[in-house]
Amino acid sequence: IRNDQNKRVFVDANIVVLRHFKELVQNHSMQ
């Protein structure tokens, strides 16, 4: 989601996605 200034705004679903992303990148050394 982007606000009027075209900046990202995050919601709970984004946190879930980013946590999963973090798990893959940091704990599984994935590109």
PDB file of all heavy atoms in Angstrom:
ATOM      1  N   ILE A   1       0.867  -1.183   0.000  1.00  0.00           N
ATOM      2  CA  ILE A   1       0.000   0.000   0.000  1.00  0.00           C
ATOM      3  C   ILE A   1       0.900   1.227   0.000  1.00  0.00           C
ATOM      4  O   ILE A   1       1.942   1.252   0.650  1.00  0.00           O
ATOM      5  CB  ILE A   1      -0.902   0.016   1.249  1.00  0.00           C
ATOM      6  CG1 ILE A   1      -1.788  -1.227   1.291  1.00  0.00           C
ATOM      7  CG2 ILE A   1      -1.745   1.283   1.290  1.00  0.00           C
ATOM      8  CD1 ILE A   1      -2.524  -1.397   2.601  1.00  0.00           C
ATOM      9  N   ARG A   2       0.497   2.231  -0.747  1.00  0.00           N
ATOM     10  CA  ARG A   2       1.277   3.487  -0.782  1.00  0.00           C
ATOM     11  C   ARG A   2       0.360   4.630  -0.360  1.00  0.00           C
ATOM     12  O   ARG A   2      -0.813   4.662  -0.692  1.00  0.00           O
ATOM     13  CB  ARG A   2       1.801   3.725  -2.191  1.00  0.00           C
ATOM     14  CG  ARG A   2       2.750   2.605  -2.618  1.00  0.00           C
ATOM     15  CD  ARG A   2       3.928   3.170  -3.322  1.00  0.00           C
ATOM     16  NE  ARG A   2       4.890   2.151  -3.658  1.00  0.00           N
ATOM     17  CZ  ARG A   2       6.175   2.258  -3.414  1.00  0.00           C
ATOM     18  NH1 ARG A   2       6.630   3.330  -2.802  1.00  0.00           N
ATOM     19  NH2 ARG A   2       7.011   1.322  -3.752  1.00  0.00           N
ATOM     20  N   ASN A   3       0.948   5.593   0.336  1.00  0.00           N
ATOM     21  CA  ASN A   3       0.158   6.754   0.767  1.00  0.00           C
ATOM     22  C   ASN A   3       0.164   7.831  -0.334  1.00  0.00           C
ATOM     23  O   ASN A   3       0.665   7.591  -1.431  1.00  0.00           O
ATOM     24  CB  ASN A   3       0.671   7.306   2.118  1.00  0.00           C
ATOM     25  CG  ASN A   3       2.078   7.849   2.024  1.00  0.00           C
ATOM     26  OD1 ASN A   3       2.619   8.087   0.946  1.00  0.00           O
ATOM     27  ND2 ASN A   3       2.683   8.042   3.196  1.00  0.00           N
ATOM     28  N   ASP A   4      -0.372   9.002  -0.006  1.00  0.00           N
ATOM     29  CA  ASP A   4      -0.467  10.085  -0.992  1.00  0.00           C
ATOM     30  C   ASP A   4       0.903  10.560  -1.476  1.00  0.00           C
ATOM     31  O   ASP A   4       1.036  11.072  -2.578  1.00  0.00           O
ATOM     32  CB  ASP A   4      -1.232  11.285  -0.385  1.00  0.00           C
ATOM     33  CG  ASP A   4      -2.677  10.926  -0.084  1.00  0.00           C
ATOM     34  OD1 ASP A   4      -3.173   9.948  -0.688  1.00  0.00           O
ATOM     35  OD2 ASP A   4      -3.291  11.610   0.752  1.00  0.00           O
ATOM     36  N   GLN A   5       1.927  10.394  -0.652  1.00  0.00           N
ATOM     37  CA  GLN A   5       3.288  10.788  -1.055  1.00  0.00           C
ATOM     38  C   GLN A   5       4.028   9.619  -1.724  1.00  0.00           C
ATOM     39  O   GLN A   5       5.238   9.669  -1.903  1.00  0.00           O
ATOM     40  CB  GLN A   5       4.116  11.263   0.164  1.00  0.00           C
ATOM     41  CG  GLN A   5       3.679  12.590   0.748  1.00  0.00           C
ATOM     42  CD  GLN A   5       2.535  12.412   1.753  1.00  0.00           C
ATOM     43  OE1 GLN A   5       2.436  11.409   2.439  1.00  0.00           O
ATOM     44  NE2 GLN A   5       1.651  13.400   1.812  1.00  0.00           N
ATOM     45  N   ASN A   6       3.288   8.579  -2.056  1.00  0.00           N
ATOM     46  CA  ASN A   6       3.822   7.377  -2.726  1.00  0.00           C
ATOM     47  C   ASN A   6       4.830   6.631  -1.850  1.00  0.00           C
ATOM     48  O   ASN A   6       5.725   5.960  -2.342  1.00  0.00           O
ATOM     49  CB  ASN A   6       4.448   7.732  -4.086  1.00  0.00           C
ATOM     50  CG  ASN A   6       4.512   6.505  -4.988  1.00  0.00           C
ATOM     51  OD1 ASN A   6       3.707   5.580  -4.866  1.00  0.00           O
ATOM     52  ND2 ASN A   6       5.484   6.477  -5.881  1.00  0.00           N
ATOM     53  N   LYS A   7       4.677   6.753  -0.530  1.00  0.00           N
ATOM     54  CA  LYS A   7       5.533   6.014   0.392  1.00  0.00           C
ATOM     55  C   LYS A   7       4.801   4.763   0.846  1.00  0.00           C
ATOM     56  O   LYS A   7       3.576   4.764   0.964  1.00  0.00           O
ATOM     57  CB  LYS A   7       5.909   6.885   1.591  1.00  0.00           C
ATOM     58  CG  LYS A   7       6.777   8.063   1.208  1.00  0.00           C
ATOM     59  CD  LYS A   7       7.237   8.831   2.421  1.00  0.00           C
ATOM     60  CE  LYS A   7       8.127   9.971   1.956  1.00  0.00           C
ATOM     61  NZ  LYS A   7       8.732  10.687   3.061  1.00  0.00           N
ATOM     62  N   ARG A   8       5.573   3.728   1.112  1.00  0.00           N
ATOM     63  CA  ARG A   8       4.963   2.465   1.546  1.00  0.00           C
ATOM     64  C   ARG A   8       4.341   2.614   2.931  1.00  0.00           C
ATOM     65  O   ARG A   8       4.930   3.198   3.832  1.00  0.00           O
ATOM     66  CB  ARG A   8       6.016   1.356   1.587  1.00  0.00           C
ATOM     67  CG  ARG A   8       6.534   0.947   0.246  1.00  0.00           C
ATOM     68  CD  ARG A   8       7.557  -0.197   0.389  1.00  0.00           C
ATOM     69  NE  ARG A   8       8.303  -0.341  -0.847  1.00  0.00           N
ATOM     70  CZ  ARG A   8       9.467   0.228  -1.103  1.00  0.00           C
ATOM     71  NH1 ARG A   8      10.046   0.988  -0.182  1.00  0.00           N
ATOM     72  NH2 ARG A   8      10.070   0.064  -2.252  1.00  0.00           N
ATOM     73  N   VAL A   9       3.162   2.026   3.061  1.00  0.00           N
ATOM     74  CA  VAL A   9       2.489   1.924   4.350  1.00  0.00           C
ATOM     75  C   VAL A   9       2.263   0.427   4.561  1.00  0.00           C
ATOM     76  O   VAL A   9       1.803  -0.273   3.664  1.00  0.00           O
ATOM     77  CB  VAL A   9       1.140   2.680   4.338  1.00  0.00           C
ATOM     78  CG1 VAL A   9       0.424   2.515   5.661  1.00  0.00           C
ATOM     79  CG2 VAL A   9       1.344   4.149   4.009  1.00  0.00           C
ATOM     80  N   PHE A  10       2.564  -0.056   5.750  1.00  0.00           N
ATOM     81  CA  PHE A  10       2.522  -1.488   6.004  1.00  0.00           C
ATOM     82  C   PHE A  10       1.333  -1.860   6.879  1.00  0.00           C
ATOM     83  O   PHE A  10       0.929  -1.093   7.756  1.00  0.00           O
ATOM     84  CB  PHE A  10       3.823  -1.927   6.680  1.00  0.00           C
ATOM     85  CG  PHE A  10       5.041  -1.660   5.832  1.00  0.00           C
ATOM     86  CD1 PHE A  10       5.716  -0.451   5.926  1.00  0.00           C
ATOM     87  CD2 PHE A  10       5.505  -2.595   4.927  1.00  0.00           C
ATOM     88  CE1 PHE A  10       6.833  -0.185   5.158  1.00  0.00           C
ATOM     89  CE2 PHE A  10       6.621  -2.349   4.145  1.00  0.00           C
ATOM     90  CZ  PHE A  10       7.291  -1.138   4.254  1.00  0.00           C
ATOM     91  N   VAL A  11       0.798  -3.051   6.602  1.00  0.00           N
ATOM     92  CA  VAL A  11      -0.299  -3.594   7.414  1.00  0.00           C
ATOM     93  C   VAL A  11       0.165  -4.937   7.975  1.00  0.00           C
ATOM     94  O   VAL A  11       1.258  -5.420   7.658  1.00  0.00           O
ATOM     95  CB  VAL A  11      -1.593  -3.748   6.576  1.00  0.00           C
ATOM     96  CG1 VAL A  11      -2.142  -2.387   6.176  1.00  0.00           C
ATOM     97  CG2 VAL A  11      -1.371  -4.628   5.371  1.00  0.00           C
ATOM     98  N   ASP A  12      -0.674  -5.544   8.819  1.00  0.00           N
ATOM     99  CA  ASP A  12      -0.292  -6.794   9.483  1.00  0.00           C
ATOM    100  C   ASP A  12       0.118  -7.882   8.488  1.00  0.00           C
ATOM    101  O   ASP A  12       1.066  -8.630   8.739  1.00  0.00           O
ATOM    102  CB  ASP A  12      -1.452  -7.296  10.354  1.00  0.00           C
ATOM    103  CG  ASP A  12      -1.676  -6.417  11.582  1.00  0.00           C
ATOM    104  OD1 ASP A  12      -0.693  -5.816  12.056  1.00  0.00           O
ATOM    105  OD2 ASP A  12      -2.826  -6.321  12.056  1.00  0.00           O
ATOM    106  N   ALA A  13      -0.577  -7.973   7.363  1.00  0.00           N
ATOM    107  CA  ALA A  13      -0.241  -8.996   6.370  1.00  0.00           C
ATOM    108  C   ALA A  13       1.169  -8.784   5.825  1.00  0.00           C
ATOM    109  O   ALA A  13       1.905  -9.749   5.571  1.00  0.00           O
ATOM    110  CB  ALA A  13      -1.251  -8.985   5.226  1.00  0.00           C
ATOM    111  N   ASN A  14       1.574  -7.531   5.672  1.00  0.00           N
ATOM    112  CA  ASN A  14       2.932  -7.235   5.209  1.00  0.00           C
ATOM    113  C   ASN A  14       3.967  -7.693   6.232  1.00  0.00           C
ATOM    114  O   ASN A  14       5.049  -8.166   5.866  1.00  0.00           O
ATOM    115  CB  ASN A  14       3.122  -5.748   4.934  1.00  0.00           C
ATOM    116  CG  ASN A  14       2.185  -5.215   3.866  1.00  0.00           C
ATOM    117  OD1 ASN A  14       1.602  -4.143   4.041  1.00  0.00           O
ATOM    118  ND2 ASN A  14       2.028  -5.925   2.762  1.00  0.00           N
ATOM    119  N   ILE A  15       3.630  -7.557   7.516  1.00  0.00           N
ATOM    120  CA  ILE A  15       4.553  -7.997   8.573  1.00  0.00           C
ATOM    121  C   ILE A  15       4.759  -9.506   8.478  1.00  0.00           C
ATOM    122  O   ILE A  15       5.884 -10.003   8.571  1.00  0.00           O
ATOM    123  CB  ILE A  15       4.040  -7.589   9.968  1.00  0.00           C
ATOM    124  CG1 ILE A  15       4.008  -6.059  10.081  1.00  0.00           C
ATOM    125  CG2 ILE A  15       4.909  -8.198  11.065  1.00  0.00           C
ATOM    126  CD1 ILE A  15       3.342  -5.546  11.340  1.00  0.00           C
ATOM    127  N   VAL A  16       3.677 -10.235   8.249  1.00  0.00           N
ATOM    128  CA  VAL A  16       3.772 -11.693   8.108  1.00  0.00           C
ATOM    129  C   VAL A  16       4.677 -12.038   6.922  1.00  0.00           C
ATOM    130  O   VAL A  16       5.580 -12.882   7.022  1.00  0.00           O
ATOM    131  CB  VAL A  16       2.366 -12.312   7.921  1.00  0.00           C
ATOM    132  CG1 VAL A  16       2.460 -13.779   7.552  1.00  0.00           C
ATOM    133  CG2 VAL A  16       1.542 -12.128   9.182  1.00  0.00           C
ATOM    134  N   VAL A  17       4.445 -11.374   5.804  1.00  0.00           N
ATOM    135  CA  VAL A  17       5.243 -11.621   4.598  1.00  0.00           C
ATOM    136  C   VAL A  17       6.709 -11.294   4.857  1.00  0.00           C
ATOM    137  O   VAL A  17       7.606 -12.071   4.519  1.00  0.00           O
ATOM    138  CB  VAL A  17       4.691 -10.786   3.411  1.00  0.00           C
ATOM    139  CG1 VAL A  17       5.667 -10.757   2.259  1.00  0.00           C
ATOM    140  CG2 VAL A  17       3.337 -11.339   2.968  1.00  0.00           C
ATOM    141  N   LEU A  18       6.973 -10.157   5.478  1.00  0.00           N
ATOM    142  CA  LEU A  18       8.352  -9.739   5.722  1.00  0.00           C
ATOM    143  C   LEU A  18       9.051 -10.629   6.756  1.00  0.00           C
ATOM    144  O   LEU A  18      10.252 -10.878   6.651  1.00  0.00           O
ATOM    145  CB  LEU A  18       8.395  -8.264   6.136  1.00  0.00           C
ATOM    146  CG  LEU A  18       8.084  -7.287   4.992  1.00  0.00           C
ATOM    147  CD1 LEU A  18       7.792  -5.892   5.528  1.00  0.00           C
ATOM    148  CD2 LEU A  18       9.227  -7.257   3.986  1.00  0.00           C
ATOM    149  N   ARG A  19       8.306 -11.120   7.741  1.00  0.00           N
ATOM    150  CA  ARG A  19       8.911 -12.054   8.706  1.00  0.00           C
ATOM    151  C   ARG A  19       9.323 -13.344   8.003  1.00  0.00           C
ATOM    152  O   ARG A  19      10.385 -13.900   8.265  1.00  0.00           O
ATOM    153  CB  ARG A  19       7.926 -12.354   9.836  1.00  0.00           C
ATOM    154  CG  ARG A  19       7.937 -11.319  10.910  1.00  0.00           C
ATOM    155  CD  ARG A  19       7.228 -11.776  12.167  1.00  0.00           C
ATOM    156  NE  ARG A  19       7.344 -10.745  13.180  1.00  0.00           N
ATOM    157  CZ  ARG A  19       6.348 -10.306  13.918  1.00  0.00           C
ATOM    158  NH1 ARG A  19       5.137 -10.807  13.770  1.00  0.00           N
ATOM    159  NH2 ARG A  19       6.549  -9.369  14.810  1.00  0.00           N
ATOM    160  N   HIS A  20       8.456 -13.809   7.146  1.00  0.00           N
ATOM    161  CA  HIS A  20       8.763 -15.022   6.375  1.00  0.00           C
ATOM    162  C   HIS A  20       9.981 -14.769   5.480  1.00  0.00           C
ATOM    163  O   HIS A  20      10.876 -15.610   5.375  1.00  0.00           O
ATOM    164  CB  HIS A  20       7.532 -15.425   5.546  1.00  0.00           C
ATOM    165  CG  HIS A  20       7.610 -16.799   4.996  1.00  0.00           C
ATOM    166  ND1 HIS A  20       7.542 -17.919   5.773  1.00  0.00           N
ATOM    167  CD2 HIS A  20       7.770 -17.226   3.729  1.00  0.00           C
ATOM    168  CE1 HIS A  20       7.650 -18.987   5.019  1.00  0.00           C
ATOM    169  NE2 HIS A  20       7.787 -18.598   3.755  1.00  0.00           N
ATOM    170  N   PHE A  21       9.997 -13.615   4.848  1.00  0.00           N
ATOM    171  CA  PHE A  21      11.122 -13.220   3.989  1.00  0.00           C
ATOM    172  C   PHE A  21      12.425 -13.193   4.804  1.00  0.00           C
ATOM    173  O   PHE A  21      13.465 -13.697   4.379  1.00  0.00           O
ATOM    174  CB  PHE A  21      10.829 -11.848   3.379  1.00  0.00           C
ATOM    175  CG  PHE A  21      11.770 -11.436   2.289  1.00  0.00           C
ATOM    176  CD1 PHE A  21      11.532 -11.779   0.974  1.00  0.00           C
ATOM    177  CD2 PHE A  21      12.908 -10.696   2.585  1.00  0.00           C
ATOM    178  CE1 PHE A  21      12.395 -11.397  -0.039  1.00  0.00           C
ATOM    179  CE2 PHE A  21      13.781 -10.307   1.583  1.00  0.00           C
ATOM    180  CZ  PHE A  21      13.520 -10.662   0.263  1.00  0.00           C
ATOM    181  N   LYS A  22      12.348 -12.613   6.007  1.00  0.00           N
ATOM    182  CA  LYS A  22      13.517 -12.536   6.887  1.00  0.00           C
ATOM    183  C   LYS A  22      14.014 -13.931   7.233  1.00  0.00           C
ATOM    184  O   LYS A  22      15.222 -14.192   7.225  1.00  0.00           O
ATOM    185  CB  LYS A  22      13.151 -11.764   8.167  1.00  0.00           C
ATOM    186  CG  LYS A  22      14.288 -11.681   9.166  1.00  0.00           C
ATOM    187  CD  LYS A  22      13.875 -10.929  10.425  1.00  0.00           C
ATOM    188  CE  LYS A  22      15.038 -10.874  11.414  1.00  0.00           C
ATOM    189  NZ  LYS A  22      14.711 -10.142  12.623  1.00  0.00           N
ATOM    190  N   GLU A  23      13.099 -14.823   7.538  1.00  0.00           N
ATOM    191  CA  GLU A  23      13.463 -16.204   7.869  1.00  0.00           C
ATOM    192  C   GLU A  23      14.260 -16.843   6.727  1.00  0.00           C
ATOM    193  O   GLU A  23      15.297 -17.462   6.950  1.00  0.00           O
ATOM    194  CB  GLU A  23      12.179 -17.014   8.144  1.00  0.00           C
ATOM    195  CG  GLU A  23      12.386 -18.501   8.268  1.00  0.00           C
ATOM    196  CD  GLU A  23      12.994 -18.922   9.596  1.00  0.00           C
ATOM    197  OE1 GLU A  23      12.982 -18.129  10.555  1.00  0.00           O
ATOM    198  OE2 GLU A  23      13.499 -20.043   9.657  1.00  0.00           O
ATOM    199  N   LEU A  24      13.773 -16.677   5.514  1.00  0.00           N
ATOM    200  CA  LEU A  24      14.442 -17.275   4.362  1.00  0.00           C
ATOM    201  C   LEU A  24      15.811 -16.653   4.109  1.00  0.00           C
ATOM    202  O   LEU A  24      16.788 -17.355   3.845  1.00  0.00           O
ATOM    203  CB  LEU A  24      13.576 -17.136   3.107  1.00  0.00           C
ATOM    204  CG  LEU A  24      12.258 -17.903   3.114  1.00  0.00           C
ATOM    205  CD1 LEU A  24      11.434 -17.544   1.885  1.00  0.00           C
ATOM    206  CD2 LEU A  24      12.508 -19.392   3.185  1.00  0.00           C
ATOM    207  N   VAL A  25      15.900 -15.343   4.211  1.00  0.00           N
ATOM    208  CA  VAL A  25      17.147 -14.642   3.877  1.00  0.00           C
ATOM    209  C   VAL A  25      18.188 -14.819   4.981  1.00  0.00           C
ATOM    210  O   VAL A  25      19.343 -15.155   4.706  1.00  0.00           O
ATOM    211  CB  VAL A  25      16.873 -13.141   3.615  1.00  0.00           C
ATOM    212  CG1 VAL A  25      18.161 -12.361   3.494  1.00  0.00           C
ATOM    213  CG2 VAL A  25      16.034 -12.979   2.362  1.00  0.00           C
ATOM    214  N   GLN A  26      17.788 -14.607   6.220  1.00  0.00           N
ATOM    215  CA  GLN A  26      18.782 -14.608   7.299  1.00  0.00           C
ATOM    216  C   GLN A  26      19.065 -15.997   7.856  1.00  0.00           C
ATOM    217  O   GLN A  26      20.200 -16.319   8.151  1.00  0.00           O
ATOM    218  CB  GLN A  26      18.342 -13.664   8.418  1.00  0.00           C
ATOM    219  CG  GLN A  26      18.393 -12.201   7.994  1.00  0.00           C
ATOM    220  CD  GLN A  26      18.044 -11.246   9.128  1.00  0.00           C
ATOM    221  OE1 GLN A  26      17.502 -11.630  10.145  1.00  0.00           O
ATOM    222  NE2 GLN A  26      18.344  -9.969   8.930  1.00  0.00           N
ATOM    223  N   ASN A  27      18.037 -16.818   8.015  1.00  0.00           N
ATOM    224  CA  ASN A  27      18.252 -18.127   8.632  1.00  0.00           C
ATOM    225  C   ASN A  27      18.555 -19.232   7.629  1.00  0.00           C
ATOM    226  O   ASN A  27      19.084 -20.271   7.999  1.00  0.00           O
ATOM    227  CB  ASN A  27      17.045 -18.521   9.481  1.00  0.00           C
ATOM    228  CG  ASN A  27      16.849 -17.567  10.650  1.00  0.00           C
ATOM    229  OD1 ASN A  27      17.760 -16.857  11.035  1.00  0.00           O
ATOM    230  ND2 ASN A  27      15.655 -17.549  11.200  1.00  0.00           N
ATOM    231  N   HIS A  28      18.192 -19.027   6.372  1.00  0.00           N
ATOM    232  CA  HIS A  28      18.442 -20.052   5.354  1.00  0.00           C
ATOM    233  C   HIS A  28      19.383 -19.553   4.267  1.00  0.00           C
ATOM    234  O   HIS A  28      19.556 -20.213   3.245  1.00  0.00           O
ATOM    235  CB  HIS A  28      17.115 -20.538   4.744  1.00  0.00           C
ATOM    236  CG  HIS A  28      16.222 -21.200   5.752  1.00  0.00           C
ATOM    237  ND1 HIS A  28      16.485 -22.435   6.275  1.00  0.00           N
ATOM    238  CD2 HIS A  28      15.088 -20.773   6.356  1.00  0.00           C
ATOM    239  CE1 HIS A  28      15.536 -22.753   7.154  1.00  0.00           C
ATOM    240  NE2 HIS A  28      14.680 -21.768   7.220  1.00  0.00           N
ATOM    241  N   SER A  29      19.929 -18.367   4.459  1.00  0.00           N
ATOM    242  CA  SER A  29      20.923 -17.777   3.538  1.00  0.00           C
ATOM    243  C   SER A  29      20.469 -17.795   2.080  1.00  0.00           C
ATOM    244  O   SER A  29      21.238 -18.091   1.182  1.00  0.00           O
ATOM    245  CB  SER A  29      22.257 -18.521   3.659  1.00  0.00           C
ATOM    246  OG  SER A  29      22.725 -18.474   4.970  1.00  0.00           O
ATOM    247  N   MET A  30      19.223 -17.477   1.866  1.00  0.00           N
ATOM    248  CA  MET A  30      18.677 -17.477   0.507  1.00  0.00           C
ATOM    249  C   MET A  30      18.884 -16.105  -0.127  1.00  0.00           C
ATOM    250  O   MET A  30      18.841 -15.085   0.549  1.00  0.00           O
ATOM    251  CB  MET A  30      17.189 -17.822   0.558  1.00  0.00           C
ATOM    252  CG  MET A  30      16.587 -18.111  -0.798  1.00  0.00           C
ATOM    253  SD  MET A  30      14.868 -18.641  -0.679  1.00  0.00           S
ATOM    254  CE  MET A  30      15.092 -20.279  -0.053  1.00  0.00           C
ATOM    255  N   GLN A  31      19.108 -16.101  -1.430  1.00  0.00           N
ATOM    256  CA  GLN A  31      19.240 -14.845  -2.153  1.00  0.00           C
ATOM    257  C   GLN A  31      17.893 -14.124  -2.164  1.00  0.00           C
ATOM    258  O   GLN A  31      16.833 -14.749  -2.131  1.00  0.00           O
ATOM    259  CB  GLN A  31      19.708 -15.088  -3.583  1.00  0.00           C
ATOM    260  CG  GLN A  31      21.115 -15.636  -3.658  1.00  0.00           C
ATOM    261  CD  GLN A  31      21.540 -15.904  -5.089  1.00  0.00           C
ATOM    262  OE1 GLN A  31      20.731 -15.814  -6.008  1.00  0.00           O
ATOM    263  NE2 GLN A  31      22.795 -16.243  -5.265  1.00  0.00           N
TER     264      GLN A  31
END
